[in-house]
C-alpha atoms as a PDB file:
ATOM      1  CA  MET A   1      17.318  -0.081  10.106  1.00  0.00           C
ATOM      2  CA  SER A   2      16.663  -1.812  13.407  1.00  0.00           C
ATOM      3  CA  ASN A   3      13.408  -1.318  15.278  1.00  0.00           C
ATOM      4  CA  LYS A   4      14.409  -3.264  18.413  1.00  0.00           C
ATOM      5  CA  PHE A   5      14.285  -0.123  20.592  1.00  0.00           C
ATOM      6  CA  VAL A   6      10.710   0.811  19.673  1.00  0.00           C
ATOM      7  CA  VAL A   7       8.429   0.797  22.709  1.00  0.00           C
ATOM      8  CA  PRO A   8       5.661  -1.770  22.032  1.00  0.00           C
ATOM      9  CA  ARG A   9       2.841   0.518  23.179  1.00  0.00           C
ATOM     10  CA  PHE A  10       3.809   3.075  20.536  1.00  0.00           C
ATOM     11  CA  VAL A  11       3.477   0.375  17.887  1.00  0.00           C
ATOM     12  CA  ALA A  12       0.053  -0.549  19.235  1.00  0.00           C
ATOM     13  CA  GLN A  13      -1.029   3.084  19.067  1.00  0.00           C
ATOM     14  CA  ALA A  14       0.012   3.283  15.405  1.00  0.00           C
ATOM     15  CA  ILE A  15      -2.103   0.266  14.433  1.00  0.00           C
ATOM     16  CA  PRO A  16      -5.674   1.207  13.446  1.00  0.00           C
ATOM     17  CA  PRO A  17      -8.653  -0.358  15.261  1.00  0.00           C
ATOM     18  CA  TYR A  18      -9.513  -3.913  14.219  1.00  0.00           C
ATOM     19  CA  THR A  19     -11.317  -7.061  15.256  1.00  0.00           C
ATOM     20  CA  GLU A  20     -10.029 -10.604  14.885  1.00  0.00           C
ATOM     21  CA  GLY A  21     -10.597 -12.188  11.489  1.00  0.00           C
ATOM     22  CA  MET A  22     -10.799  -8.902   9.580  1.00  0.00           C
ATOM     23  CA  ARG A  23      -9.631  -8.755   5.965  1.00  0.00           C
ATOM     24  CA  ILE A  24      -7.333  -5.745   5.707  1.00  0.00           C
ATOM     25  CA  GLY A  25      -5.932  -4.133   2.573  1.00  0.00           C
ATOM     26  CA  LEU A  26      -2.579  -2.363   3.013  1.00  0.00           C
ATOM     27  CA  LEU A  27      -1.818   0.610   0.764  1.00  0.00           C
ATOM     28  CA  GLY A  28       1.617   2.093   1.341  1.00  0.00           C
ATOM     29  CA  GLY A  29       2.945   5.311  -0.071  1.00  0.00           C
ATOM     30  CA  SER A  30       4.329   8.781   0.497  1.00  0.00           C
ATOM     31  CA  PHE A  31       0.904  10.413   0.031  1.00  0.00           C
ATOM     32  CA  ASN A  32       2.732  13.563  -1.054  1.00  0.00           C
ATOM     33  CA  PRO A  33       0.032  14.670  -1.576  1.00  0.00           C
ATOM     34  CA  PRO A  34      -2.823  12.191  -1.095  1.00  0.00           C
ATOM     35  CA  HIS A  35      -5.476  12.448  -3.796  1.00  0.00           C
ATOM     36  CA  GLN A  36      -8.765  11.055  -5.041  1.00  0.00           C
ATOM     37  CA  ALA A  37      -7.063   8.188  -6.895  1.00  0.00           C
ATOM     38  CA  HIS A  38      -5.830   6.833  -3.541  1.00  0.00           C
ATOM     39  CA  ARG A  39      -9.411   6.930  -2.279  1.00  0.00           C
ATOM     40  CA  ALA A  40     -10.828   5.412  -5.477  1.00  0.00           C
ATOM     41  CA  ILE A  41      -8.254   2.593  -5.476  1.00  0.00           C
ATOM     42  CA  SER A  42      -9.085   1.826  -1.853  1.00  0.00           C
ATOM     43  CA  ARG A  43     -12.844   1.762  -2.387  1.00  0.00           C
ATOM     44  CA  PHE A  44     -12.357  -0.336  -5.526  1.00  0.00           C
ATOM     45  CA  ALA A  45     -10.251  -2.820  -3.536  1.00  0.00           C
ATOM     46  CA  LEU A  46     -12.763  -2.919  -0.684  1.00  0.00           C
ATOM     47  CA  THR A  47     -15.432  -4.045  -3.137  1.00  0.00           C
ATOM     48  CA  ARG A  48     -13.486  -6.302  -5.473  1.00  0.00           C
ATOM     49  CA  LEU A  49     -11.464  -8.036  -2.743  1.00  0.00           C
ATOM     50  CA  GLN A  50     -14.304  -8.101  -0.201  1.00  0.00           C
ATOM     51  CA  LEU A  51     -12.172  -6.357   2.422  1.00  0.00           C
ATOM     52  CA  ASP A  52     -13.309  -4.996   5.771  1.00  0.00           C
ATOM     53  CA  ARG A  53     -10.814  -2.133   5.888  1.00  0.00           C
ATOM     54  CA  VAL A  54      -7.984  -0.514   3.965  1.00  0.00           C
ATOM     55  CA  TRP A  55      -5.083   0.924   5.943  1.00  0.00           C
ATOM     56  CA  TRP A  56      -3.059   3.721   4.365  1.00  0.00           C
ATOM     57  CA  LEU A  57       0.536   3.351   5.551  1.00  0.00           C
ATOM     58  CA  VAL A  58       2.141   6.776   5.182  1.00  0.00           C
ATOM     59  CA  THR A  59       5.857   6.202   4.757  1.00  0.00           C
ATOM     60  CA  PRO A  60       8.586   8.438   6.238  1.00  0.00           C
ATOM     61  CA  GLY A  61      10.182   8.327   2.775  1.00  0.00           C
ATOM     62  CA  ASN A  62      10.296   6.058  -0.264  1.00  0.00           C
ATOM     63  CA  PRO A  63      13.763   4.455  -0.693  1.00  0.00           C
ATOM     64  CA  LEU A  64      13.294   4.461  -4.484  1.00  0.00           C
ATOM     65  CA  LYS A  65      12.369   8.144  -4.765  1.00  0.00           C
ATOM     66  CA  GLU A  66      13.971  11.519  -4.189  1.00  0.00           C
ATOM     67  CA  ASN A  67      12.567  12.752  -0.873  1.00  0.00           C
ATOM     68  CA  GLY A  68      13.901  16.309  -0.896  1.00  0.00           C
ATOM     69  CA  THR A  69      10.435  17.794  -1.447  1.00  0.00           C
ATOM     70  CA  LEU A  70       8.636  15.430   0.912  1.00  0.00           C
ATOM     71  CA  HIS A  71       6.205  17.244   3.195  1.00  0.00           C
ATOM     72  CA  GLU A  72       6.297  16.721   6.956  1.00  0.00           C
ATOM     73  CA  LEU A  73       4.716  13.452   8.077  1.00  0.00           C
ATOM     74  CA  GLY A  74       2.010  15.063  10.188  1.00  0.00           C
ATOM     75  CA  ALA A  75       0.846  17.222   7.281  1.00  0.00           C
ATOM     76  CA  ARG A  76       0.651  14.196   4.981  1.00  0.00           C
ATOM     77  CA  MET A  77      -1.211  12.193   7.628  1.00  0.00           C
ATOM     78  CA  GLN A  78      -3.844  14.891   8.138  1.00  0.00           C
ATOM     79  CA  ALA A  79      -4.230  15.461   4.399  1.00  0.00           C
ATOM     80  CA  ALA A  80      -4.658  11.695   3.926  1.00  0.00           C
ATOM     81  CA  ARG A  81      -7.431  11.596   6.545  1.00  0.00           C
ATOM     82  CA  ASP A  82      -9.178  14.508   4.824  1.00  0.00           C
ATOM     83  CA  VAL A  83      -9.015  12.796   1.427  1.00  0.00           C
ATOM     84  CA  ALA A  84      -9.985   9.324   2.661  1.00  0.00           C
ATOM     85  CA  ASN A  85     -13.279  10.488   4.180  1.00  0.00           C
ATOM     86  CA  ASP A  86     -14.526   6.923   4.591  1.00  0.00           C
ATOM     87  CA  PRO A  87     -14.861   4.999   7.878  1.00  0.00           C
ATOM     88  CA  ARG A  88     -13.446   1.902   6.161  1.00  0.00           C
ATOM     89  CA  ILE A  89     -10.163   3.664   5.320  1.00  0.00           C
ATOM     90  CA  GLU A  90      -7.712   4.212   8.186  1.00  0.00           C
ATOM     91  CA  VAL A  91      -4.473   6.222   8.078  1.00  0.00           C
ATOM     92  CA  SER A  92      -1.389   5.008   9.966  1.00  0.00           C
ATOM     93  CA  CYS A  93       2.171   6.213  10.640  1.00  0.00           C
ATOM     94  CA  LEU A  94       3.337   2.708  11.599  1.00  0.00           C
ATOM     95  CA  GLU A  95       6.455   2.828   9.437  1.00  0.00           C
ATOM     96  CA  SER A  96       7.647   5.953  11.218  1.00  0.00           C
ATOM     97  CA  VAL A  97       7.042   4.337  14.602  1.00  0.00           C
ATOM     98  CA  ILE A  98       8.990   1.175  13.769  1.00  0.00           C
ATOM     99  CA  ARG A  99      11.650   3.320  12.084  1.00  0.00           C
ATOM    100  CA  THR A 100      11.652   1.781   8.657  1.00  0.00           C
ATOM    101  CA  ARG A 101      11.052   2.737   5.050  1.00  0.00           C
ATOM    102  CA  TYR A 102      10.853  -0.844   3.851  1.00  0.00           C
ATOM    103  CA  THR A 103       7.634  -2.730   3.203  1.00  0.00           C
ATOM    104  CA  ILE A 104       9.128  -6.031   4.320  1.00  0.00           C
ATOM    105  CA  ASP A 105       9.667  -4.639   7.858  1.00  0.00           C
ATOM    106  CA  THR A 106       6.104  -3.349   7.976  1.00  0.00           C
ATOM    107  CA  ILE A 107       4.644  -6.669   6.902  1.00  0.00           C
ATOM    108  CA  ASN A 108       6.819  -8.576   9.373  1.00  0.00           C
ATOM    109  CA  THR A 109       5.612  -6.335  12.196  1.00  0.00           C
ATOM    110  CA  LEU A 110       1.944  -6.635  11.271  1.00  0.00           C
ATOM    111  CA  ARG A 111       2.012 -10.394  10.780  1.00  0.00           C
ATOM    112  CA  ARG A 112       3.878 -10.909  14.039  1.00  0.00           C
ATOM    113  CA  ARG A 113       1.533  -8.738  16.118  1.00  0.00           C
ATOM    114  CA  LEU A 114      -1.757  -9.385  14.299  1.00  0.00           C
ATOM    115  CA  SER A 115      -1.729 -13.036  13.309  1.00  0.00           C
ATOM    116  CA  GLY A 116      -5.527 -13.195  13.450  1.00  0.00           C
ATOM    117  CA  LEU A 117      -5.973 -10.756  10.566  1.00  0.00           C
ATOM    118  CA  ARG A 118      -5.845 -11.502   6.852  1.00  0.00           C
ATOM    119  CA  PHE A 119      -3.783  -8.966   4.951  1.00  0.00           C
ATOM    120  CA  VAL A 120      -3.610  -8.093   1.262  1.00  0.00           C
ATOM    121  CA  TRP A 121      -0.944  -5.717  -0.057  1.00  0.00           C
ATOM    122  CA  ILE A 122      -2.409  -3.277  -2.597  1.00  0.00           C
ATOM    123  CA  MET A 123      -0.299  -1.625  -5.275  1.00  0.00           C
ATOM    124  CA  GLY A 124      -0.787   0.126  -8.588  1.00  0.00           C
ATOM    125  CA  ALA A 125       0.455  -1.370 -11.829  1.00  0.00           C
ATOM    126  CA  ASP A 126       3.244   1.230 -11.860  1.00  0.00           C
ATOM    127  CA  ASN A 127       4.595  -0.322  -8.665  1.00  0.00           C
ATOM    128  CA  LEU A 128       4.425  -3.858 -10.049  1.00  0.00           C
ATOM    129  CA  ALA A 129       6.628  -2.642 -12.911  1.00  0.00           C
ATOM    130  CA  GLN A 130       9.398  -1.851 -10.410  1.00  0.00           C
ATOM    131  CA  PHE A 131       8.551  -4.365  -7.689  1.00  0.00           C
ATOM    132  CA  HIS A 132      11.766  -6.285  -8.412  1.00  0.00           C
ATOM    133  CA  ARG A 133      13.675  -3.256  -7.094  1.00  0.00           C
ATOM    134  CA  TRP A 134      11.978  -3.359  -3.676  1.00  0.00           C
ATOM    135  CA  GLN A 135      13.928  -4.594  -0.673  1.00  0.00           C
ATOM    136  CA  ASP A 136      13.305  -8.372  -0.278  1.00  0.00           C
ATOM    137  CA  TRP A 137      10.467  -8.327  -2.784  1.00  0.00           C
ATOM    138  CA  ARG A 138      10.352 -12.107  -3.044  1.00  0.00           C
ATOM    139  CA  ARG A 139       9.854 -12.357   0.727  1.00  0.00           C
ATOM    140  CA  ILE A 140       7.054  -9.796   0.529  1.00  0.00           C
ATOM    141  CA  ALA A 141       5.295 -11.895  -2.110  1.00  0.00           C
ATOM    142  CA  ALA A 142       5.804 -15.014   0.003  1.00  0.00           C
ATOM    143  CA  GLN A 143       4.171 -13.464   3.067  1.00  0.00           C
ATOM    144  CA  VAL A 144       1.040 -11.649   1.859  1.00  0.00           C
ATOM    145  CA  PRO A 145      -1.269 -11.926  -1.161  1.00  0.00           C
ATOM    146  CA  ILE A 146      -0.933  -8.940  -3.496  1.00  0.00           C
ATOM    147  CA  ALA A 147      -3.620  -7.067  -5.427  1.00  0.00           C
ATOM    148  CA  VAL A 148      -2.363  -5.026  -8.373  1.00  0.00           C
ATOM    149  CA  ILE A 149      -4.684  -2.280  -9.610  1.00  0.00           C
ATOM    150  CA  ASP A 150      -4.390  -1.610 -13.329  1.00  0.00           C
ATOM    151  CA  ARG A 151      -3.278   1.952 -14.115  1.00  0.00           C
ATOM    152  CA  PRO A 152      -3.212   2.492 -17.887  1.00  0.00           C
ATOM    153  CA  PRO A 153      -0.887   3.015 -19.698  1.00  0.00           C
ATOM    154  CA  GLN A 154       1.257   0.975 -17.272  1.00  0.00           C
ATOM    155  CA  SER A 155      -0.516  -2.339 -17.969  1.00  0.00           C
ATOM    156  CA  PHE A 156       1.863  -3.898 -20.489  1.00  0.00           C
ATOM    157  CA  ARG A 157       5.014  -2.693 -18.699  1.00  0.00           C
ATOM    158  CA  ALA A 158       3.720  -4.064 -15.396  1.00  0.00           C
ATOM    159  CA  LEU A 159       2.739  -7.492 -16.713  1.00  0.00           C
ATOM    160  CA  ALA A 160       6.029  -7.795 -18.607  1.00  0.00           C
ATOM    161  CA  SER A 161       8.109  -6.841 -15.565  1.00  0.00           C
ATOM    162  CA  PRO A 162      10.648  -9.182 -13.927  1.00  0.00           C
ATOM    163  CA  ALA A 163       8.476  -9.603 -10.822  1.00  0.00           C
ATOM    164  CA  ALA A 164       5.320 -10.394 -12.804  1.00  0.00           C
ATOM    165  CA  LYS A 165       7.192 -13.013 -14.802  1.00  0.00           C
ATOM    166  CA  ALA A 166       8.791 -14.530 -11.703  1.00  0.00           C
ATOM    167  CA  LEU A 167       5.399 -14.762  -9.964  1.00  0.00           C
ATOM    168  CA  ALA A 168       3.370 -15.724 -13.028  1.00  0.00           C
ATOM    169  CA  ARG A 169       2.411 -19.180 -11.751  1.00  0.00           C
ATOM    170  CA  TYR A 170       0.905 -17.649  -8.603  1.00  0.00           C
ATOM    171  CA  ARG A 171      -1.419 -15.265 -10.454  1.00  0.00           C
ATOM    172  CA  VAL A 172      -5.074 -15.705  -9.490  1.00  0.00           C
ATOM    173  CA  PRO A 173      -7.865 -15.240 -12.072  1.00  0.00           C
ATOM    174  CA  GLU A 174      -9.540 -11.862 -11.693  1.00  0.00           C
ATOM    175  CA  ALA A 175     -12.894 -13.597 -11.255  1.00  0.00           C
ATOM    176  CA  GLU A 176     -11.562 -15.073  -7.990  1.00  0.00           C
ATOM    177  CA  ALA A 177     -10.377 -11.744  -6.553  1.00  0.00           C
ATOM    178  CA  ALA A 178     -12.873 -11.888  -3.674  1.00  0.00           C
ATOM    179  CA  LEU A 179     -11.054 -14.982  -2.359  1.00  0.00           C
ATOM    180  CA  LEU A 180      -7.557 -13.489  -2.462  1.00  0.00           C
ATOM    181  CA  ALA A 181      -7.403 -12.632   1.259  1.00  0.00           C
ATOM    182  CA  ASP A 182      -8.103 -16.275   2.095  1.00  0.00           C
ATOM    183  CA  ARG A 183      -5.333 -17.663  -0.110  1.00  0.00           C
ATOM    184  CA  PRO A 184      -1.898 -18.525   1.229  1.00  0.00           C
ATOM    185  CA  ALA A 185       0.913 -16.443  -0.206  1.00  0.00           C
ATOM    186  CA  PRO A 186       2.328 -16.247  -2.758  1.00  0.00           C
ATOM    187  CA  ALA A 187      -0.807 -15.248  -4.654  1.00  0.00           C
ATOM    188  CA  TRP A 188      -1.630 -12.134  -6.656  1.00  0.00           C
ATOM    189  CA  VAL A 189      -4.365 -10.748  -8.845  1.00  0.00           C
ATOM    190  CA  PHE A 190      -4.394  -8.041 -11.512  1.00  0.00           C
ATOM    191  CA  LEU A 191      -7.587  -5.998 -11.208  1.00  0.00           C
ATOM    192  CA  THR A 192      -8.904  -4.065 -14.196  1.00  0.00           C
ATOM    193  CA  GLY A 193     -11.787  -1.665 -14.600  1.00  0.00           C
ATOM    194  CA  LEU A 194     -10.661   1.376 -12.624  1.00  0.00           C
ATOM    195  CA  LYS A 195      -9.765   4.225 -14.978  1.00  0.00           C
ATOM    196  CA  LEU A 196      -7.932   6.962 -13.104  1.00  0.00           C
ATOM    197  CA  HIS A 197      -4.874   8.920 -14.170  1.00  0.00           C
ATOM    198  CA  LEU A 198      -4.158  11.083 -11.113  1.00  0.00           C
ATOM    199  CA  SER A 199      -0.725  10.868  -9.528  1.00  0.00           C
ATOM    200  CA  SER A 200       0.958  12.620  -6.612  1.00  0.00           C
ATOM    201  CA  THR A 201       3.742  13.748  -8.956  1.00  0.00           C
ATOM    202  CA  GLY A 202       1.232  15.545 -11.141  1.00  0.00           C
ATOM    203  CA  LEU A 203      -0.210  17.342  -8.121  1.00  0.00           C
ATOM    204  CA  ARG A 204       3.094  18.837  -6.985  1.00  0.00           C
ATOM    205  CA  ASN A 205       4.574  22.150  -8.061  1.00  0.00           C
ATOM    206  CA  PRO A 206       8.244  22.282  -9.139  1.00  0.00           C
ATOM    207  CA  ASP A 207       9.219  23.521  -5.668  1.00  0.00           C
ATOM    208  CA  GLY A 208       7.516  20.520  -4.036  1.00  0.00           C
ATOM    209  CA  SER A 209       4.480  22.404  -2.762  1.00  0.00           C
ATOM    210  CA  TRP A 210       1.087  20.889  -3.408  1.00  0.00           C
ATOM    211  CA  LYS A 211      -1.046  22.407  -6.131  1.00  0.00           C
ATOM    212  CA  GLY A 212      -4.052  24.215  -4.783  1.00  0.00           C
ATOM    213  CA  THR A 213      -2.294  25.063  -1.519  1.00  0.00           C
ATOM    214  CA  LYS A 214      -0.103  27.961  -0.489  1.00  0.00           C
END
């Protein structure tokens, strides 16, 4: 989908506050609903990767998922802000503004407009397991370092995945995770030690409503 008709000021408004040289973690997802695992992953990444901020990029819809029960973007954005509850975590609707559902478009936009920032893409091990199905996944890996957060029992499946095998020579030792944002892509690290089993799927009712809400 083309974003050539997007008014530049709208893009600027969708980008969270920043200062030059910041190390920014990017966590994309539907956030349908957002939950404490999103917050825990972000805080874990802030510490282990020595980041200044984590930006939650709330997608209009995941191309690899059924979006029939996806809540309205504004509701997911507000719920994400409520869950984040940390000044280092910012919530953005950038993908809606640039009219895309693909990570590669988001990264291209951010790198083009914010060349003075150092980005790290953050994903769970479950996403690494299917990363080879993402649009232009090799280009994504070539443009930003990637931090993969272990999510048992997905560990073995993730590390045995086609993408993990293809990128094996670019894997960074976990002990050097704090330097990941400074490394040229491709580079990725597999971070262990965070034991959380929450998922958005598990927090949705069969009709798509969020558990604990009307």
